[in-house]
């Protein structure tokens, strides 16, 4: 595993941060890390890259303990809030960062040109960073994160200042990294971007992981069947509940969580056998944003419970 944590905790005087985090991220995987503001996302990333020391628990990054210097040489990191020296050019900044990484400076100009081209700002490489737009600075930050040809890249809100074209470019870069076997740990509030790029996701709230698993598992877990009836009779509801079904009633429409479409014929048969007249049936279209909000709401409604979802 490229990232492995067991009960990793980082708090500040016993408050905030992230708590009891156990995660595994494989090689060449795009891993999405989701949560509301203040949930502990950035704290975990800073702990994994060695900027914060764990309060308790353990973790390994690239098979070495978190914070290990040798491992950090193979990590790229784009923080959410960054500020580059306004008086430097893009070329100068990347050369400066190459020295911080203690990279071989032979051929660094070629590597710099390559990355600025990939990130779409090669035409501005001799321009002062202070004149850059937020989107251009975001692209430069991504170039800096990719500078050491990392095996693992942490991207904390990499598309926050980008327009749709820029977000598409970042998606393409992430796809290329994945194809090259690079692991990407992605933190983003743009859930549509996560849905398009990530293989696995974890959701954190109030410092705790409340769900984790593959994107497909998350989607299947939250699939719902919607059936519109002529009228909703007690006999139909009782028969469905006798089968262990959770049923929500919205006017004349029943909403029933299912794990797969193979369950639909049995549900329809039960309704028909108990006098229900079915006018329409279909699965609801669920996206990652719906799932995310639903899980956060469910977690907060049931706060105080120690139960955690592990997919």
C-alpha atoms as a PDB file:
ATOM      1  CA  UNK A   1       0.000   0.000   0.000  1.00  0.00           C
ATOM      2  CA  UNK A   2       1.195   3.521  -0.798  1.00  0.00           C
ATOM      3  CA  UNK A   3      -0.671   4.968   2.215  1.00  0.00           C
ATOM      4  CA  UNK A   4      -1.629   2.991   5.295  1.00  0.00           C
ATOM      5  CA  UNK A   5      -2.908   4.456   8.543  1.00  0.00           C
ATOM      6  CA  UNK A   6      -4.118   2.751  11.705  1.00  0.00           C
ATOM      7  CA  UNK A   7      -6.067   4.868  14.214  1.00  0.00           C
ATOM      8  CA  UNK A   8      -4.049   7.915  13.147  1.00  0.00           C
ATOM      9  CA  UNK A   9      -4.985  10.957  15.196  1.00  0.00           C
ATOM     10  CA  UNK A  10      -3.850  14.560  15.068  1.00  0.00           C
ATOM     11  CA  UNK A  11      -5.513  17.046  17.381  1.00  0.00           C
ATOM     12  CA  UNK A  12      -4.542  20.481  18.652  1.00  0.00           C
ATOM     13  CA  UNK A  13      -4.617  20.617  22.442  1.00  0.00           C
ATOM     14  CA  UNK A  14      -7.133  17.787  22.274  1.00  0.00           C
ATOM     15  CA  UNK A  15      -9.450  19.648  19.891  1.00  0.00           C
ATOM     16  CA  UNK A  16     -10.241  19.618  16.179  1.00  0.00           C
ATOM     17  CA  UNK A  17      -8.083  17.808  13.649  1.00  0.00           C
ATOM     18  CA  UNK A  18      -8.674  14.188  12.661  1.00  0.00           C
ATOM     19  CA  UNK A  19      -9.239  11.194  14.930  1.00  0.00           C
ATOM     20  CA  UNK A  20      -8.809   7.435  14.705  1.00  0.00           C
ATOM     21  CA  UNK A  21      -8.316   7.461  10.912  1.00  0.00           C
ATOM     22  CA  UNK A  22      -7.664   4.045   9.331  1.00  0.00           C
ATOM     23  CA  UNK A  23      -7.171   4.141   5.558  1.00  0.00           C
ATOM     24  CA  UNK A  24      -5.425   2.142   2.834  1.00  0.00           C
ATOM     25  CA  UNK A  25      -4.578   3.619  -0.569  1.00  0.00           C
ATOM     26  CA  UNK A  26      -3.095   1.437  -3.282  1.00  0.00           C
ATOM     27  CA  UNK A  27      -0.509   2.138  -5.966  1.00  0.00           C
ATOM     28  CA  UNK A  28      -1.778   3.964  -9.051  1.00  0.00           C
ATOM     29  CA  UNK A  29      -5.077   4.764  -7.380  1.00  0.00           C
ATOM     30  CA  UNK A  30      -6.931   8.085  -7.459  1.00  0.00           C
ATOM     31  CA  UNK A  31      -8.311   8.444  -3.937  1.00  0.00           C
ATOM     32  CA  UNK A  32     -10.905  11.087  -3.145  1.00  0.00           C
ATOM     33  CA  UNK A  33     -11.024  12.532   0.370  1.00  0.00           C
ATOM     34  CA  UNK A  34     -14.255  14.373   1.067  1.00  0.00           C
ATOM     35  CA  UNK A  35     -15.727  16.337   3.913  1.00  0.00           C
ATOM     36  CA  UNK A  36     -17.286  19.687   4.870  1.00  0.00           C
ATOM     37  CA  UNK A  37     -15.193  22.662   5.958  1.00  0.00           C
ATOM     38  CA  UNK A  38     -13.430  22.004   9.239  1.00  0.00           C
ATOM     39  CA  UNK A  39     -13.912  18.232   9.035  1.00  0.00           C
ATOM     40  CA  UNK A  40     -10.186  17.457   9.319  1.00  0.00           C
ATOM     41  CA  UNK A  41      -9.220  16.900   5.670  1.00  0.00           C
ATOM     42  CA  UNK A  42      -6.271  19.269   5.461  1.00  0.00           C
ATOM     43  CA  UNK A  43      -5.034  18.202   8.910  1.00  0.00           C
ATOM     44  CA  UNK A  44      -4.796  14.595   7.744  1.00  0.00           C
ATOM     45  CA  UNK A  45      -2.965  15.584   4.562  1.00  0.00           C
ATOM     46  CA  UNK A  46      -0.499  17.745   6.499  1.00  0.00           C
ATOM     47  CA  UNK A  47       0.123  14.826   8.853  1.00  0.00           C
ATOM     48  CA  UNK A  48       0.694  12.398   5.991  1.00  0.00           C
ATOM     49  CA  UNK A  49       3.203  14.682   4.261  1.00  0.00           C
ATOM     50  CA  UNK A  50       5.051  15.321   7.520  1.00  0.00           C
ATOM     51  CA  UNK A  51       4.045  18.911   8.264  1.00  0.00           C
ATOM     52  CA  UNK A  52       2.242  17.825  11.449  1.00  0.00           C
ATOM     53  CA  UNK A  53       3.245  15.158  13.931  1.00  0.00           C
ATOM     54  CA  UNK A  54       0.588  12.587  14.850  1.00  0.00           C
ATOM     55  CA  UNK A  55      -0.893  12.812  18.333  1.00  0.00           C
ATOM     56  CA  UNK A  56      -1.410   9.041  18.366  1.00  0.00           C
ATOM     57  CA  UNK A  57      -1.831   6.063  16.059  1.00  0.00           C
ATOM     58  CA  UNK A  58       0.467   5.189  13.211  1.00  0.00           C
ATOM     59  CA  UNK A  59       0.812   5.617   9.484  1.00  0.00           C
ATOM     60  CA  UNK A  60       3.065   4.708   6.595  1.00  0.00           C
ATOM     61  CA  UNK A  61       3.576   6.578   3.342  1.00  0.00           C
ATOM     62  CA  UNK A  62       5.477   4.814   0.551  1.00  0.00           C
ATOM     63  CA  UNK A  63       6.231   2.031   3.070  1.00  0.00           C
ATOM     64  CA  UNK A  64       7.998   4.421   5.452  1.00  0.00           C
ATOM     65  CA  UNK A  65       6.728   6.131   8.639  1.00  0.00           C
ATOM     66  CA  UNK A  66       4.859   9.409   8.124  1.00  0.00           C
ATOM     67  CA  UNK A  67       7.298  12.319   8.026  1.00  0.00           C
ATOM     68  CA  UNK A  68      10.222  10.193   6.790  1.00  0.00           C
ATOM     69  CA  UNK A  69      12.607  12.382   4.780  1.00  0.00           C
ATOM     70  CA  UNK A  70      13.355   9.782   2.115  1.00  0.00           C
ATOM     71  CA  UNK A  71       9.648   9.225   1.483  1.00  0.00           C
ATOM     72  CA  UNK A  72       9.060  12.979   1.227  1.00  0.00           C
ATOM     73  CA  UNK A  73      11.500  13.170  -1.699  1.00  0.00           C
ATOM     74  CA  UNK A  74       8.995  11.103  -3.714  1.00  0.00           C
ATOM     75  CA  UNK A  75       5.912  13.099  -2.684  1.00  0.00           C
ATOM     76  CA  UNK A  76       4.327  15.997  -4.533  1.00  0.00           C
ATOM     77  CA  UNK A  77       2.072  18.352  -2.579  1.00  0.00           C
ATOM     78  CA  UNK A  78      -0.255  21.149  -3.623  1.00  0.00           C
ATOM     79  CA  UNK A  79      -1.731  22.715  -0.457  1.00  0.00           C
ATOM     80  CA  UNK A  80      -5.134  24.367  -0.425  1.00  0.00           C
ATOM     81  CA  UNK A  81      -3.757  27.718   0.704  1.00  0.00           C
ATOM     82  CA  UNK A  82      -0.413  28.577  -0.824  1.00  0.00           C
ATOM     83  CA  UNK A  83       1.462  31.757  -1.522  1.00  0.00           C
ATOM     84  CA  UNK A  84       4.422  31.987  -3.874  1.00  0.00           C
ATOM     85  CA  UNK A  85       7.014  34.744  -3.978  1.00  0.00           C
ATOM     86  CA  UNK A  86       5.452  37.470  -6.132  1.00  0.00           C
ATOM     87  CA  UNK A  87       8.831  38.698  -7.405  1.00  0.00           C
ATOM     88  CA  UNK A  88       9.840  35.338  -8.920  1.00  0.00           C
ATOM     89  CA  UNK A  89       8.972  34.074 -12.380  1.00  0.00           C
ATOM     90  CA  UNK A  90       7.499  30.611 -12.875  1.00  0.00           C
ATOM     91  CA  UNK A  91      10.860  29.364 -14.121  1.00  0.00           C
ATOM     92  CA  UNK A  92      12.650  30.739 -11.094  1.00  0.00           C
ATOM     93  CA  UNK A  93      10.120  29.288  -8.671  1.00  0.00           C
ATOM     94  CA  UNK A  94      10.431  25.776 -10.081  1.00  0.00           C
ATOM     95  CA  UNK A  95      14.229  25.968 -10.035  1.00  0.00           C
ATOM     96  CA  UNK A  96      14.057  27.107  -6.400  1.00  0.00           C
ATOM     97  CA  UNK A  97      11.754  24.210  -5.508  1.00  0.00           C
ATOM     98  CA  UNK A  98      14.066  21.797  -7.350  1.00  0.00           C
ATOM     99  CA  UNK A  99      16.882  22.860  -5.028  1.00  0.00           C
ATOM    100  CA  UNK A 100      14.645  22.352  -1.985  1.00  0.00           C
ATOM    101  CA  UNK A 101      14.015  18.803  -3.229  1.00  0.00           C
ATOM    102  CA  UNK A 102      17.800  18.455  -3.729  1.00  0.00           C
ATOM    103  CA  UNK A 103      17.154  17.395  -7.308  1.00  0.00           C
ATOM    104  CA  UNK A 104      19.925  17.040  -9.875  1.00  0.00           C
ATOM    105  CA  UNK A 105      19.930  20.442 -11.569  1.00  0.00           C
ATOM    106  CA  UNK A 106      21.200  18.997 -14.840  1.00  0.00           C
ATOM    107  CA  UNK A 107      18.306  19.072 -17.251  1.00  0.00           C
ATOM    108  CA  UNK A 108      16.092  20.999 -14.835  1.00  0.00           C
ATOM    109  CA  UNK A 109      15.312  23.583 -17.512  1.00  0.00           C
ATOM    110  CA  UNK A 110      13.860  20.852 -19.711  1.00  0.00           C
ATOM    111  CA  UNK A 111      11.782  19.506 -16.813  1.00  0.00           C
ATOM    112  CA  UNK A 112      10.552  23.012 -16.024  1.00  0.00           C
ATOM    113  CA  UNK A 113       9.505  23.649 -19.622  1.00  0.00           C
ATOM    114  CA  UNK A 114       7.767  20.276 -19.766  1.00  0.00           C
ATOM    115  CA  UNK A 115       5.704  20.899 -16.639  1.00  0.00           C
ATOM    116  CA  UNK A 116       4.765  24.472 -17.500  1.00  0.00           C
ATOM    117  CA  UNK A 117       3.593  23.179 -20.869  1.00  0.00           C
ATOM    118  CA  UNK A 118       1.559  20.367 -19.282  1.00  0.00           C
ATOM    119  CA  UNK A 119      -0.059  22.837 -16.877  1.00  0.00           C
ATOM    120  CA  UNK A 120      -0.768  25.389 -19.624  1.00  0.00           C
ATOM    121  CA  UNK A 121       1.351  28.371 -18.544  1.00  0.00           C
ATOM    122  CA  UNK A 122       4.524  27.904 -20.613  1.00  0.00           C
ATOM    123  CA  UNK A 123       3.846  31.165 -22.464  1.00  0.00           C
ATOM    124  CA  UNK A 124       4.032  33.010 -19.138  1.00  0.00           C
ATOM    125  CA  UNK A 125       7.113  31.303 -17.682  1.00  0.00           C
ATOM    126  CA  UNK A 126       9.172  34.518 -17.568  1.00  0.00           C
ATOM    127  CA  UNK A 127       6.336  36.602 -16.155  1.00  0.00           C
ATOM    128  CA  UNK A 128       6.359  37.649 -12.480  1.00  0.00           C
ATOM    129  CA  UNK A 129       4.057  35.506 -10.352  1.00  0.00           C
ATOM    130  CA  UNK A 130       2.610  38.657  -8.806  1.00  0.00           C
ATOM    131  CA  UNK A 131       0.924  39.379 -12.154  1.00  0.00           C
ATOM    132  CA  UNK A 132      -0.678  35.920 -12.370  1.00  0.00           C
ATOM    133  CA  UNK A 133      -4.406  35.354 -11.996  1.00  0.00           C
ATOM    134  CA  UNK A 134      -5.583  32.914  -9.326  1.00  0.00           C
ATOM    135  CA  UNK A 135      -6.101  30.264 -11.984  1.00  0.00           C
ATOM    136  CA  UNK A 136      -2.562  30.705 -13.332  1.00  0.00           C
ATOM    137  CA  UNK A 137      -1.141  30.450  -9.806  1.00  0.00           C
ATOM    138  CA  UNK A 138      -3.156  27.256  -9.306  1.00  0.00           C
ATOM    139  CA  UNK A 139      -1.616  25.804 -12.457  1.00  0.00           C
ATOM    140  CA  UNK A 140       1.850  26.809 -11.269  1.00  0.00           C
ATOM    141  CA  UNK A 141       1.209  25.143  -7.916  1.00  0.00           C
ATOM    142  CA  UNK A 142       0.297  21.940  -9.731  1.00  0.00           C
ATOM    143  CA  UNK A 143       3.503  22.154 -11.790  1.00  0.00           C
ATOM    144  CA  UNK A 144       5.465  22.536  -8.551  1.00  0.00           C
ATOM    145  CA  UNK A 145       3.771  19.471  -7.052  1.00  0.00           C
ATOM    146  CA  UNK A 146       4.747  17.379 -10.089  1.00  0.00           C
ATOM    147  CA  UNK A 147       8.337  18.672 -10.209  1.00  0.00           C
ATOM    148  CA  UNK A 148      10.137  15.718  -8.539  1.00  0.00           C
ATOM    149  CA  UNK A 149       8.349  13.084 -10.695  1.00  0.00           C
ATOM    150  CA  UNK A 150       6.596  11.892  -7.532  1.00  0.00           C
ATOM    151  CA  UNK A 151       5.258   8.429  -6.798  1.00  0.00           C
ATOM    152  CA  UNK A 152       2.512   9.992  -4.673  1.00  0.00           C
ATOM    153  CA  UNK A 153       0.790  13.351  -5.162  1.00  0.00           C
ATOM    154  CA  UNK A 154      -1.412  15.120  -2.608  1.00  0.00           C
ATOM    155  CA  UNK A 155      -3.738  17.650  -4.233  1.00  0.00           C
ATOM    156  CA  UNK A 156      -5.707  19.782  -1.777  1.00  0.00           C
ATOM    157  CA  UNK A 157      -8.434  21.609  -3.752  1.00  0.00           C
ATOM    158  CA  UNK A 158      -6.442  21.632  -7.045  1.00  0.00           C
ATOM    159  CA  UNK A 159      -9.282  23.116  -9.137  1.00  0.00           C
ATOM    160  CA  UNK A 160     -10.645  25.707  -6.690  1.00  0.00           C
ATOM    161  CA  UNK A 161      -9.600  28.719  -8.804  1.00  0.00           C
ATOM    162  CA  UNK A 162      -9.965  27.152 -12.253  1.00  0.00           C
ATOM    163  CA  UNK A 163     -12.601  27.613 -14.941  1.00  0.00           C
ATOM    164  CA  UNK A 164     -14.218  24.566 -16.642  1.00  0.00           C
ATOM    165  CA  UNK A 165     -11.379  24.338 -19.172  1.00  0.00           C
ATOM    166  CA  UNK A 166      -8.822  24.375 -16.367  1.00  0.00           C
ATOM    167  CA  UNK A 167     -10.721  21.696 -14.445  1.00  0.00           C
ATOM    168  CA  UNK A 168     -10.758  19.512 -17.536  1.00  0.00           C
ATOM    169  CA  UNK A 169      -7.003  20.004 -17.917  1.00  0.00           C
ATOM    170  CA  UNK A 170      -6.431  18.926 -14.307  1.00  0.00           C
ATOM    171  CA  UNK A 171      -8.609  15.833 -14.859  1.00  0.00           C
ATOM    172  CA  UNK A 172      -6.465  14.930 -17.864  1.00  0.00           C
ATOM    173  CA  UNK A 173      -3.273  15.396 -15.841  1.00  0.00           C
ATOM    174  CA  UNK A 174      -4.637  13.172 -13.053  1.00  0.00           C
ATOM    175  CA  UNK A 175      -5.576  10.523 -15.614  1.00  0.00           C
ATOM    176  CA  UNK A 176      -2.063  10.623 -17.081  1.00  0.00           C
ATOM    177  CA  UNK A 177      -0.555  10.282 -13.590  1.00  0.00           C
ATOM    178  CA  UNK A 178      -2.740   7.271 -12.902  1.00  0.00           C
ATOM    179  CA  UNK A 179      -1.720   5.672 -16.201  1.00  0.00           C
ATOM    180  CA  UNK A 180       1.918   6.152 -15.174  1.00  0.00           C
ATOM    181  CA  UNK A 181       1.294   4.343 -11.874  1.00  0.00           C
ATOM    182  CA  UNK A 182       1.353   7.480  -9.723  1.00  0.00           C
ATOM    183  CA  UNK A 183      -0.993   7.526  -6.727  1.00  0.00           C
ATOM    184  CA  UNK A 184      -3.132  10.665  -6.352  1.00  0.00           C
ATOM    185  CA  UNK A 185      -4.723  11.675  -3.049  1.00  0.00           C
ATOM    186  CA  UNK A 186      -7.351  14.245  -3.981  1.00  0.00           C
ATOM    187  CA  UNK A 187      -9.226  16.562  -1.649  1.00  0.00           C
ATOM    188  CA  UNK A 188     -11.910  18.598  -3.404  1.00  0.00           C
ATOM    189  CA  UNK A 189     -15.212  20.325  -2.713  1.00  0.00           C
ATOM    190  CA  UNK A 190     -16.151  19.900  -6.389  1.00  0.00           C
ATOM    191  CA  UNK A 191     -17.818  16.517  -6.025  1.00  0.00           C
ATOM    192  CA  UNK A 192     -18.560  16.260  -9.734  1.00  0.00           C
ATOM    193  CA  UNK A 193     -14.790  16.316 -10.330  1.00  0.00           C
ATOM    194  CA  UNK A 194     -14.248  13.595  -7.736  1.00  0.00           C
ATOM    195  CA  UNK A 195     -16.971  11.505  -9.359  1.00  0.00           C
ATOM    196  CA  UNK A 196     -15.221  11.777 -12.730  1.00  0.00           C
ATOM    197  CA  UNK A 197     -11.691  10.996 -11.531  1.00  0.00           C
ATOM    198  CA  UNK A 198     -11.605   8.874  -8.363  1.00  0.00           C
ATOM    199  CA  UNK A 199     -11.499   5.097  -7.900  1.00  0.00           C
ATOM    200  CA  UNK A 200     -12.046   5.077  -4.140  1.00  0.00           C
ATOM    201  CA  UNK A 201     -13.321   7.694  -1.706  1.00  0.00           C
ATOM    202  CA  UNK A 202     -13.515   8.330   2.011  1.00  0.00           C
ATOM    203  CA  UNK A 203     -15.849  10.784   3.718  1.00  0.00           C
ATOM    204  CA  UNK A 204     -14.792  12.510   6.927  1.00  0.00           C
ATOM    205  CA  UNK A 205     -16.920  14.581   9.280  1.00  0.00           C
ATOM    206  CA  UNK A 206     -16.009  16.046  12.662  1.00  0.00           C
ATOM    207  CA  UNK A 207     -12.593  14.405  12.412  1.00  0.00           C
ATOM    208  CA  UNK A 208     -13.890  10.849  11.910  1.00  0.00           C
ATOM    209  CA  UNK A 209     -14.177   8.700   8.774  1.00  0.00           C
ATOM    210  CA  UNK A 210     -17.889   7.959   8.334  1.00  0.00           C
ATOM    211  CA  UNK A 211     -17.692   5.986   5.073  1.00  0.00           C
ATOM    212  CA  UNK A 212     -15.044   4.593   2.741  1.00  0.00           C
ATOM    213  CA  UNK A 213     -14.955   2.306  -0.263  1.00  0.00           C
ATOM    214  CA  UNK A 214     -14.951   2.251  -4.030  1.00  0.00           C
ATOM    215  CA  UNK A 215     -17.064   4.794  -5.871  1.00  0.00           C
ATOM    216  CA  UNK A 216     -19.153   1.958  -7.351  1.00  0.00           C
ATOM    217  CA  UNK A 217     -19.831   0.530  -3.885  1.00  0.00           C
ATOM    218  CA  UNK A 218     -20.867   3.921  -2.621  1.00  0.00           C
ATOM    219  CA  UNK A 219     -23.240   4.411  -5.550  1.00  0.00           C
ATOM    220  CA  UNK A 220     -24.776   0.926  -5.227  1.00  0.00           C
ATOM    221  CA  UNK A 221     -25.259   1.372  -1.511  1.00  0.00           C
ATOM    222  CA  UNK A 222     -27.348   4.473  -2.124  1.00  0.00           C
ATOM    223  CA  UNK A 223     -29.437   3.308  -5.104  1.00  0.00           C
ATOM    224  CA  UNK A 224     -33.185   3.723  -4.644  1.00  0.00           C
ATOM    225  CA  UNK A 225     -36.198   2.331  -6.479  1.00  0.00           C
ATOM    226  CA  UNK A 226     -39.084   4.755  -7.044  1.00  0.00           C
ATOM    227  CA  UNK A 227     -42.537   3.279  -7.741  1.00  0.00           C
ATOM    228  CA  UNK A 228     -45.601   5.425  -8.464  1.00  0.00           C
ATOM    229  CA  UNK A 229     -48.903   3.806  -7.509  1.00  0.00           C
ATOM    230  CA  UNK A 230     -52.540   4.692  -8.043  1.00  0.00           C
ATOM    231  CA  UNK A 231     -52.840   4.798  -4.272  1.00  0.00           C
ATOM    232  CA  UNK A 232     -50.714   3.616  -1.382  1.00  0.00           C
ATOM    233  CA  UNK A 233     -52.518   0.964   0.669  1.00  0.00           C
ATOM    234  CA  UNK A 234     -51.523  -0.324   4.093  1.00  0.00           C
ATOM    235  CA  UNK A 235     -51.460  -3.895   2.744  1.00  0.00           C
ATOM    236  CA  UNK A 236     -48.688  -2.981   0.294  1.00  0.00           C
ATOM    237  CA  UNK A 237     -46.619  -1.210   2.932  1.00  0.00           C
ATOM    238  CA  UNK A 238     -47.057  -4.066   5.429  1.00  0.00           C
ATOM    239  CA  UNK A 239     -46.017  -6.684   2.847  1.00  0.00           C
ATOM    240  CA  UNK A 240     -42.870  -4.754   1.922  1.00  0.00           C
ATOM    241  CA  UNK A 241     -41.911  -4.197   5.543  1.00  0.00           C
ATOM    242  CA  UNK A 242     -42.481  -7.922   6.269  1.00  0.00           C
ATOM    243  CA  UNK A 243     -39.785  -8.557   3.649  1.00  0.00           C
ATOM    244  CA  UNK A 244     -37.424  -6.259   5.531  1.00  0.00           C
ATOM    245  CA  UNK A 245     -37.752  -3.353   3.117  1.00  0.00           C
ATOM    246  CA  UNK A 246     -37.304   0.257   4.187  1.00  0.00           C
ATOM    247  CA  UNK A 247     -40.070   2.255   2.536  1.00  0.00           C
ATOM    248  CA  UNK A 248     -40.495   6.019   2.313  1.00  0.00           C
ATOM    249  CA  UNK A 249     -43.826   7.353   1.082  1.00  0.00           C
ATOM    250  CA  UNK A 250     -43.990  10.589  -0.909  1.00  0.00           C
ATOM    251  CA  UNK A 251     -47.597  11.142  -1.951  1.00  0.00           C
ATOM    252  CA  UNK A 252     -48.387   8.195  -4.232  1.00  0.00           C
ATOM    253  CA  UNK A 253     -44.734   7.287  -4.767  1.00  0.00           C
ATOM    254  CA  UNK A 254     -42.785   4.695  -2.799  1.00  0.00           C
ATOM    255  CA  UNK A 255     -39.026   5.088  -2.393  1.00  0.00           C
ATOM    256  CA  UNK A 256     -37.168   1.862  -1.536  1.00  0.00           C
ATOM    257  CA  UNK A 257     -33.376   1.473  -1.096  1.00  0.00           C
ATOM    258  CA  UNK A 258     -31.955  -1.415  -3.154  1.00  0.00           C
ATOM    259  CA  UNK A 259     -28.494  -2.890  -3.638  1.00  0.00           C
ATOM    260  CA  UNK A 260     -28.993  -3.830  -7.285  1.00  0.00           C
ATOM    261  CA  UNK A 261     -31.527  -3.968 -10.105  1.00  0.00           C
ATOM    262  CA  UNK A 262     -32.003  -7.717  -9.608  1.00  0.00           C
ATOM    263  CA  UNK A 263     -34.208  -6.845  -6.614  1.00  0.00           C
ATOM    264  CA  UNK A 264     -36.726  -4.883  -8.684  1.00  0.00           C
ATOM    265  CA  UNK A 265     -38.875  -7.782 -10.063  1.00  0.00           C
ATOM    266  CA  UNK A 266     -39.469  -9.190  -6.560  1.00  0.00           C
ATOM    267  CA  UNK A 267     -40.505  -5.808  -5.182  1.00  0.00           C
ATOM    268  CA  UNK A 268     -42.874  -5.187  -8.089  1.00  0.00           C
ATOM    269  CA  UNK A 269     -44.367  -8.656  -7.663  1.00  0.00           C
ATOM    270  CA  UNK A 270     -44.977  -8.089  -3.941  1.00  0.00           C
ATOM    271  CA  UNK A 271     -46.766  -4.799  -4.623  1.00  0.00           C
ATOM    272  CA  UNK A 272     -48.945  -6.313  -7.355  1.00  0.00           C
ATOM    273  CA  UNK A 273     -49.859  -9.364  -5.271  1.00  0.00           C
ATOM    274  CA  UNK A 274     -51.046  -7.090  -2.484  1.00  0.00           C
ATOM    275  CA  UNK A 275     -53.361  -4.999  -4.644  1.00  0.00           C
ATOM    276  CA  UNK A 276     -51.060  -2.184  -5.675  1.00  0.00           C
ATOM    277  CA  UNK A 277     -51.575  -0.667  -9.124  1.00  0.00           C
ATOM    278  CA  UNK A 278     -48.163   0.299 -10.524  1.00  0.00           C
ATOM    279  CA  UNK A 279     -48.093   3.218 -12.944  1.00  0.00           C
ATOM    280  CA  UNK A 280     -44.362   3.851 -13.107  1.00  0.00           C
ATOM    281  CA  UNK A 281     -41.141   2.332 -11.742  1.00  0.00           C
ATOM    282  CA  UNK A 282     -37.480   3.248 -12.054  1.00  0.00           C
ATOM    283  CA  UNK A 283     -34.269   3.814 -10.130  1.00  0.00           C
ATOM    284  CA  UNK A 284     -33.494   7.326  -8.959  1.00  0.00           C
ATOM    285  CA  UNK A 285     -30.477   9.049 -10.425  1.00  0.00           C
ATOM    286  CA  UNK A 286     -28.052   9.489  -7.543  1.00  0.00           C
ATOM    287  CA  UNK A 287     -24.835  11.461  -7.802  1.00  0.00           C
ATOM    288  CA  UNK A 288     -21.943  11.776  -5.395  1.00  0.00           C
ATOM    289  CA  UNK A 289     -23.202  15.105  -4.074  1.00  0.00           C
ATOM    290  CA  UNK A 290     -26.524  13.543  -3.049  1.00  0.00           C
ATOM    291  CA  UNK A 291     -24.706  10.679  -1.330  1.00  0.00           C
ATOM    292  CA  UNK A 292     -22.275  13.020   0.414  1.00  0.00           C
ATOM    293  CA  UNK A 293     -24.962  15.340   1.772  1.00  0.00           C
ATOM    294  CA  UNK A 294     -27.138  12.410   2.807  1.00  0.00           C
ATOM    295  CA  UNK A 295     -24.312  10.781   4.766  1.00  0.00           C
ATOM    296  CA  UNK A 296     -23.303  14.008   6.467  1.00  0.00           C
ATOM    297  CA  UNK A 297     -26.929  14.706   7.459  1.00  0.00           C
ATOM    298  CA  UNK A 298     -27.361  11.126   8.690  1.00  0.00           C
ATOM    299  CA  UNK A 299     -24.144  11.318  10.713  1.00  0.00           C
ATOM    300  CA  UNK A 300     -25.137  14.570  12.368  1.00  0.00           C
ATOM    301  CA  UNK A 301     -28.655  13.362  13.135  1.00  0.00           C
ATOM    302  CA  UNK A 302     -27.170  10.316  14.812  1.00  0.00           C
ATOM    303  CA  UNK A 303     -24.283  12.107  16.503  1.00  0.00           C
ATOM    304  CA  UNK A 304     -23.224  10.411  19.683  1.00  0.00           C
ATOM    305  CA  UNK A 305     -23.278   6.986  18.062  1.00  0.00           C
ATOM    306  CA  UNK A 306     -19.979   5.153  17.680  1.00  0.00           C
ATOM    307  CA  UNK A 307     -21.096   3.301  14.568  1.00  0.00           C
ATOM    308  CA  UNK A 308     -19.059   3.959  11.432  1.00  0.00           C
ATOM    309  CA  UNK A 309     -19.785   2.876   7.875  1.00  0.00           C
ATOM    310  CA  UNK A 310     -17.045   0.805   6.221  1.00  0.00           C
ATOM    311  CA  UNK A 311     -17.927  -0.213   2.677  1.00  0.00           C
END
